[in-house]
Amino acid sequence: MDYYQTESAIIKELENTMGSIAADDVLALVEHIQRAEKVFFVGVGRVLLSLEAIAKRLAHLGIKTYIVGQITEPAITNNDLLIVGSGSGESMFPLGIAKKARSFGAAVVHIGSNPSSSMREYTDTFVRIPVQTKLDRPDEVHSIQPMTSLFEQALLLLGDTIALMMVREKNIDMHNLWQFHANLE
């Protein structure tokens, strides 16, 4: 068991995966974020952890972000965006929340691996991270990592990529971002 060989294999998987995401879909996601008054996130398990990190980073850019279910979550409206993280697009909770958000007229973006999921009925934009999910479809990129680790890692990196794209597009002085960082720590 060699650390350097293992981490190198993971980095290679991530590089291949990130290079397989359609740039036009990412640009559409960025446009949705920039148009929205508020951006909500929903997912479960480790996907939710990645989404929470993305929400925090976007909040550092001055975007109003909320995790579905947090105690201070406001009402979603037709001026808002829901970002759903679900590799399979079949997880019951995110699917139900997407349907509900759509009923209020909110835009919905699904970041997932399964392009033919039930989620597509409720989404405006689909950003595919084409990696192995629990469905184990034949067109998925297989991973040496356990379960859906590659999806969760790529999701986090996608969020950081989007944040940096927005920083560059708006020519934001990175030092000024510290004003949005938590200061009760």
C-alpha atoms as a PDB file:
ATOM      1  CA  MET A   1       0.000   0.000   0.000  1.00  0.00           C
ATOM      2  CA  ASP A   2       1.815   3.092  -1.259  1.00  0.00           C
ATOM      3  CA  TYR A   3       0.543   6.596  -0.415  1.00  0.00           C
ATOM      4  CA  TYR A   4       2.022   8.305  -3.487  1.00  0.00           C
ATOM      5  CA  GLN A   5       0.668   5.748  -5.957  1.00  0.00           C
ATOM      6  CA  THR A   6      -2.772   5.902  -4.359  1.00  0.00           C
ATOM      7  CA  GLU A   7      -3.042   9.691  -4.259  1.00  0.00           C
ATOM      8  CA  SER A   8      -1.690   9.904  -7.817  1.00  0.00           C
ATOM      9  CA  ALA A   9      -4.393   7.515  -9.032  1.00  0.00           C
ATOM     10  CA  ILE A  10      -7.087   9.604  -7.316  1.00  0.00           C
ATOM     11  CA  ILE A  11      -5.735  12.860  -8.774  1.00  0.00           C
ATOM     12  CA  LYS A  12      -5.698  11.263 -12.242  1.00  0.00           C
ATOM     13  CA  GLU A  13      -9.328  10.177 -11.830  1.00  0.00           C
ATOM     14  CA  LEU A  14     -10.268  13.705 -10.793  1.00  0.00           C
ATOM     15  CA  GLU A  15      -8.398  15.248 -13.693  1.00  0.00           C
ATOM     16  CA  ASN A  16     -10.132  12.932 -16.178  1.00  0.00           C
ATOM     17  CA  THR A  17     -13.513  13.536 -14.585  1.00  0.00           C
ATOM     18  CA  MET A  18     -13.231  17.327 -14.424  1.00  0.00           C
ATOM     19  CA  GLY A  19     -12.103  17.347 -18.056  1.00  0.00           C
ATOM     20  CA  SER A  20     -15.237  15.411 -19.017  1.00  0.00           C
ATOM     21  CA  ILE A  21     -17.723  17.966 -17.681  1.00  0.00           C
ATOM     22  CA  ALA A  22     -19.380  20.029 -20.442  1.00  0.00           C
ATOM     23  CA  ALA A  23     -18.148  23.627 -20.171  1.00  0.00           C
ATOM     24  CA  ASP A  24     -21.386  24.996 -21.659  1.00  0.00           C
ATOM     25  CA  ASP A  25     -23.410  23.358 -18.892  1.00  0.00           C
ATOM     26  CA  VAL A  26     -21.121  24.886 -16.269  1.00  0.00           C
ATOM     27  CA  LEU A  27     -21.544  28.321 -17.875  1.00  0.00           C
ATOM     28  CA  ALA A  28     -25.322  27.845 -17.762  1.00  0.00           C
ATOM     29  CA  LEU A  29     -25.054  27.020 -14.050  1.00  0.00           C
ATOM     30  CA  VAL A  30     -22.983  30.157 -13.409  1.00  0.00           C
ATOM     31  CA  GLU A  31     -25.593  32.251 -15.239  1.00  0.00           C
ATOM     32  CA  HIS A  32     -28.357  30.745 -13.083  1.00  0.00           C
ATOM     33  CA  ILE A  33     -26.374  31.592  -9.933  1.00  0.00           C
ATOM     34  CA  GLN A  34     -25.746  35.167 -11.069  1.00  0.00           C
ATOM     35  CA  ARG A  35     -29.432  35.742 -11.932  1.00  0.00           C
ATOM     36  CA  ALA A  36     -30.815  34.324  -8.689  1.00  0.00           C
ATOM     37  CA  GLU A  37     -31.709  36.408  -5.668  1.00  0.00           C
ATOM     38  CA  LYS A  38     -31.055  33.410  -3.416  1.00  0.00           C
ATOM     39  CA  VAL A  39     -29.388  30.070  -4.105  1.00  0.00           C
ATOM     40  CA  PHE A  40     -30.584  26.962  -2.259  1.00  0.00           C
ATOM     41  CA  PHE A  41     -28.771  23.625  -2.123  1.00  0.00           C
ATOM     42  CA  VAL A  42     -30.102  20.135  -1.485  1.00  0.00           C
ATOM     43  CA  GLY A  43     -28.409  16.758  -1.303  1.00  0.00           C
ATOM     44  CA  VAL A  44     -27.836  13.922   1.128  1.00  0.00           C
ATOM     45  CA  GLY A  45     -24.827  12.288   2.755  1.00  0.00           C
ATOM     46  CA  ARG A  46     -21.357  13.186   1.508  1.00  0.00           C
ATOM     47  CA  VAL A  47     -22.897  15.009  -1.459  1.00  0.00           C
ATOM     48  CA  LEU A  48     -24.531  17.370   1.025  1.00  0.00           C
ATOM     49  CA  LEU A  49     -21.138  18.001   2.636  1.00  0.00           C
ATOM     50  CA  SER A  50     -19.728  19.022  -0.752  1.00  0.00           C
ATOM     51  CA  LEU A  51     -22.749  21.239  -1.396  1.00  0.00           C
ATOM     52  CA  GLU A  52     -22.367  22.902   2.006  1.00  0.00           C
ATOM     53  CA  ALA A  53     -18.771  23.775   1.118  1.00  0.00           C
ATOM     54  CA  ILE A  54     -19.915  25.210  -2.228  1.00  0.00           C
ATOM     55  CA  ALA A  55     -22.645  27.255  -0.522  1.00  0.00           C
ATOM     56  CA  LYS A  56     -20.090  28.641   1.932  1.00  0.00           C
ATOM     57  CA  ARG A  57     -17.675  29.592  -0.854  1.00  0.00           C
ATOM     58  CA  LEU A  58     -20.414  31.316  -2.852  1.00  0.00           C
ATOM     59  CA  ALA A  59     -21.468  33.159   0.312  1.00  0.00           C
ATOM     60  CA  HIS A  60     -17.889  34.465   0.458  1.00  0.00           C
ATOM     61  CA  LEU A  61     -18.596  35.990  -2.970  1.00  0.00           C
ATOM     62  CA  GLY A  62     -21.589  37.837  -1.532  1.00  0.00           C
ATOM     63  CA  ILE A  63     -24.236  35.419  -2.832  1.00  0.00           C
ATOM     64  CA  LYS A  64     -27.153  34.614  -0.530  1.00  0.00           C
ATOM     65  CA  THR A  65     -26.965  30.849  -0.073  1.00  0.00           C
ATOM     66  CA  TYR A  66     -29.040  28.438   1.958  1.00  0.00           C
ATOM     67  CA  ILE A  67     -29.043  24.714   2.654  1.00  0.00           C
ATOM     68  CA  VAL A  68     -32.523  23.215   2.465  1.00  0.00           C
ATOM     69  CA  GLY A  69     -33.591  22.375   6.000  1.00  0.00           C
ATOM     70  CA  GLN A  70     -31.343  24.829   7.841  1.00  0.00           C
ATOM     71  CA  ILE A  71     -33.162  26.607  10.627  1.00  0.00           C
ATOM     72  CA  THR A  72     -32.854  30.066   9.008  1.00  0.00           C
ATOM     73  CA  GLU A  73     -33.931  28.913   5.525  1.00  0.00           C
ATOM     74  CA  PRO A  74     -36.234  31.517   3.932  1.00  0.00           C
ATOM     75  CA  ALA A  75     -39.016  30.822   1.438  1.00  0.00           C
ATOM     76  CA  ILE A  76     -37.957  29.992  -2.106  1.00  0.00           C
ATOM     77  CA  THR A  77     -39.508  32.116  -4.862  1.00  0.00           C
ATOM     78  CA  ASN A  78     -39.535  32.356  -8.627  1.00  0.00           C
ATOM     79  CA  ASN A  79     -36.490  34.650  -8.376  1.00  0.00           C
ATOM     80  CA  ASP A  80     -34.372  31.920  -6.788  1.00  0.00           C
ATOM     81  CA  LEU A  81     -32.335  28.876  -7.741  1.00  0.00           C
ATOM     82  CA  LEU A  82     -32.225  25.385  -6.285  1.00  0.00           C
ATOM     83  CA  ILE A  83     -29.041  23.416  -6.932  1.00  0.00           C
ATOM     84  CA  VAL A  84     -29.584  19.692  -6.497  1.00  0.00           C
ATOM     85  CA  GLY A  85     -26.619  17.394  -5.989  1.00  0.00           C
ATOM     86  CA  SER A  86     -27.513  13.778  -6.678  1.00  0.00           C
ATOM     87  CA  GLY A  87     -25.376  11.385  -8.649  1.00  0.00           C
ATOM     88  CA  SER A  88     -28.237   9.042  -9.453  1.00  0.00           C
ATOM     89  CA  GLY A  89     -30.916  11.727  -9.665  1.00  0.00           C
ATOM     90  CA  GLU A  90     -33.208   9.264  -7.942  1.00  0.00           C
ATOM     91  CA  SER A  91     -32.672  10.032  -4.232  1.00  0.00           C
ATOM     92  CA  MET A  92     -36.108  10.610  -2.733  1.00  0.00           C
ATOM     93  CA  PHE A  93     -35.436  13.729  -0.655  1.00  0.00           C
ATOM     94  CA  PRO A  94     -33.646  15.812  -3.342  1.00  0.00           C
ATOM     95  CA  LEU A  95     -36.190  14.688  -5.940  1.00  0.00           C
ATOM     96  CA  GLY A  96     -39.108  15.790  -3.753  1.00  0.00           C
ATOM     97  CA  ILE A  97     -37.465  19.137  -2.980  1.00  0.00           C
ATOM     98  CA  ALA A  98     -36.803  19.777  -6.700  1.00  0.00           C
ATOM     99  CA  LYS A  99     -40.467  19.116  -7.465  1.00  0.00           C
ATOM    100  CA  LYS A 100     -41.542  21.466  -4.673  1.00  0.00           C
ATOM    101  CA  ALA A 101     -39.103  24.226  -5.759  1.00  0.00           C
ATOM    102  CA  ARG A 102     -40.415  23.957  -9.303  1.00  0.00           C
ATOM    103  CA  SER A 103     -43.989  24.395  -8.009  1.00  0.00           C
ATOM    104  CA  PHE A 104     -42.903  27.804  -6.625  1.00  0.00           C
ATOM    105  CA  GLY A 105     -41.388  28.781  -9.973  1.00  0.00           C
ATOM    106  CA  ALA A 106     -37.760  28.548  -8.880  1.00  0.00           C
ATOM    107  CA  ALA A 107     -35.081  27.551 -11.370  1.00  0.00           C
ATOM    108  CA  VAL A 108     -33.602  24.114 -10.694  1.00  0.00           C
ATOM    109  CA  VAL A 109     -30.149  22.878 -11.665  1.00  0.00           C
ATOM    110  CA  HIS A 110     -29.228  19.240 -11.178  1.00  0.00           C
ATOM    111  CA  ILE A 111     -25.583  18.274 -10.824  1.00  0.00           C
ATOM    112  CA  GLY A 112     -25.417  14.529 -11.219  1.00  0.00           C
ATOM    113  CA  SER A 113     -24.184  11.567 -13.187  1.00  0.00           C
ATOM    114  CA  ASN A 114     -27.380  10.048 -14.569  1.00  0.00           C
ATOM    115  CA  PRO A 115     -28.743  12.061 -17.532  1.00  0.00           C
ATOM    116  CA  SER A 116     -31.928   9.991 -17.745  1.00  0.00           C
ATOM    117  CA  SER A 117     -32.934  10.266 -14.102  1.00  0.00           C
ATOM    118  CA  SER A 118     -36.336  11.207 -12.716  1.00  0.00           C
ATOM    119  CA  MET A 119     -34.796  14.568 -11.758  1.00  0.00           C
ATOM    120  CA  ARG A 120     -34.763  15.737 -15.387  1.00  0.00           C
ATOM    121  CA  GLU A 121     -38.519  16.345 -15.229  1.00  0.00           C
ATOM    122  CA  TYR A 122     -37.927  19.182 -12.739  1.00  0.00           C
ATOM    123  CA  THR A 123     -34.668  20.764 -13.924  1.00  0.00           C
ATOM    124  CA  ASP A 124     -33.781  23.677 -16.165  1.00  0.00           C
ATOM    125  CA  THR A 125     -30.131  22.703 -16.504  1.00  0.00           C
ATOM    126  CA  PHE A 126     -28.255  19.454 -15.966  1.00  0.00           C
ATOM    127  CA  VAL A 127     -24.530  19.444 -15.279  1.00  0.00           C
ATOM    128  CA  ARG A 128     -23.199  15.933 -15.697  1.00  0.00           C
ATOM    129  CA  ILE A 129     -20.284  14.629 -13.705  1.00  0.00           C
ATOM    130  CA  PRO A 130     -19.996  11.368 -15.671  1.00  0.00           C
ATOM    131  CA  VAL A 131     -18.775   9.089 -12.901  1.00  0.00           C
ATOM    132  CA  GLN A 132     -19.926   5.846 -11.357  1.00  0.00           C
ATOM    133  CA  THR A 133     -23.060   6.077  -9.231  1.00  0.00           C
ATOM    134  CA  LYS A 134     -24.918   3.548  -7.146  1.00  0.00           C
ATOM    135  CA  LEU A 135     -26.836   2.678 -10.335  1.00  0.00           C
ATOM    136  CA  ASP A 136     -23.604   1.416 -11.982  1.00  0.00           C
ATOM    137  CA  ARG A 137     -24.741   2.275 -15.534  1.00  0.00           C
ATOM    138  CA  PRO A 138     -22.547   1.125 -18.436  1.00  0.00           C
ATOM    139  CA  ASP A 139     -21.751   4.696 -19.626  1.00  0.00           C
ATOM    140  CA  GLU A 140     -20.373   5.787 -16.239  1.00  0.00           C
ATOM    141  CA  VAL A 141     -16.670   6.331 -15.613  1.00  0.00           C
ATOM    142  CA  HIS A 142     -15.635   3.710 -13.098  1.00  0.00           C
ATOM    143  CA  SER A 143     -13.440   4.565 -10.130  1.00  0.00           C
ATOM    144  CA  ILE A 144     -10.954   2.723  -7.952  1.00  0.00           C
ATOM    145  CA  GLN A 145     -12.364   4.603  -4.953  1.00  0.00           C
ATOM    146  CA  PRO A 146     -15.097   3.350  -2.655  1.00  0.00           C
ATOM    147  CA  MET A 147     -18.720   3.933  -3.558  1.00  0.00           C
ATOM    148  CA  THR A 148     -19.344   7.464  -4.919  1.00  0.00           C
ATOM    149  CA  SER A 149     -16.206   9.199  -3.622  1.00  0.00           C
ATOM    150  CA  LEU A 150     -15.205  10.427  -7.075  1.00  0.00           C
ATOM    151  CA  PHE A 151     -18.576  12.149  -7.579  1.00  0.00           C
ATOM    152  CA  GLU A 152     -18.408  13.912  -4.228  1.00  0.00           C
ATOM    153  CA  GLN A 153     -14.816  15.048  -4.820  1.00  0.00           C
ATOM    154  CA  ALA A 154     -15.569  16.262  -8.345  1.00  0.00           C
ATOM    155  CA  LEU A 155     -18.663  18.089  -7.073  1.00  0.00           C
ATOM    156  CA  LEU A 156     -16.547  19.991  -4.540  1.00  0.00           C
ATOM    157  CA  LEU A 157     -13.943  20.858  -7.178  1.00  0.00           C
ATOM    158  CA  LEU A 158     -16.692  21.958  -9.570  1.00  0.00           C
ATOM    159  CA  GLY A 159     -17.960  24.349  -6.899  1.00  0.00           C
ATOM    160  CA  ASP A 160     -14.497  25.818  -6.359  1.00  0.00           C
ATOM    161  CA  THR A 161     -14.014  26.089 -10.120  1.00  0.00           C
ATOM    162  CA  ILE A 162     -17.284  27.996 -10.461  1.00  0.00           C
ATOM    163  CA  ALA A 163     -16.312  30.313  -7.611  1.00  0.00           C
ATOM    164  CA  LEU A 164     -12.954  31.110  -9.223  1.00  0.00           C
ATOM    165  CA  MET A 165     -14.647  31.661 -12.609  1.00  0.00           C
ATOM    166  CA  MET A 166     -16.953  34.190 -10.946  1.00  0.00           C
ATOM    167  CA  VAL A 167     -14.050  35.904  -9.145  1.00  0.00           C
ATOM    168  CA  ARG A 168     -12.212  36.287 -12.437  1.00  0.00           C
ATOM    169  CA  GLU A 169     -15.287  37.388 -14.405  1.00  0.00           C
ATOM    170  CA  LYS A 170     -16.149  40.075 -11.864  1.00  0.00           C
ATOM    171  CA  ASN A 171     -12.487  40.980 -11.321  1.00  0.00           C
ATOM    172  CA  ILE A 172     -12.950  40.571  -7.559  1.00  0.00           C
ATOM    173  CA  ASP A 173     -10.013  41.455  -5.334  1.00  0.00           C
ATOM    174  CA  MET A 174      -9.490  38.202  -3.417  1.00  0.00           C
ATOM    175  CA  HIS A 175      -8.223  40.019  -0.337  1.00  0.00           C
ATOM    176  CA  ASN A 176     -11.589  41.811  -0.066  1.00  0.00           C
ATOM    177  CA  LEU A 177     -13.374  38.460   0.164  1.00  0.00           C
ATOM    178  CA  TRP A 178     -12.250  38.128   3.777  1.00  0.00           C
ATOM    179  CA  GLN A 179     -15.032  40.566   4.721  1.00  0.00           C
ATOM    180  CA  PHE A 180     -17.495  37.737   4.073  1.00  0.00           C
ATOM    181  CA  HIS A 181     -15.542  35.106   6.010  1.00  0.00           C
ATOM    182  CA  ALA A 182     -16.826  33.966   9.417  1.00  0.00           C
ATOM    183  CA  ASN A 183     -15.316  36.112  12.148  1.00  0.00           C
ATOM    184  CA  LEU A 184     -16.744  34.565  15.317  1.00  0.00           C
ATOM    185  CA  GLU A 185     -14.228  31.740  15.192  1.00  0.00           C
END
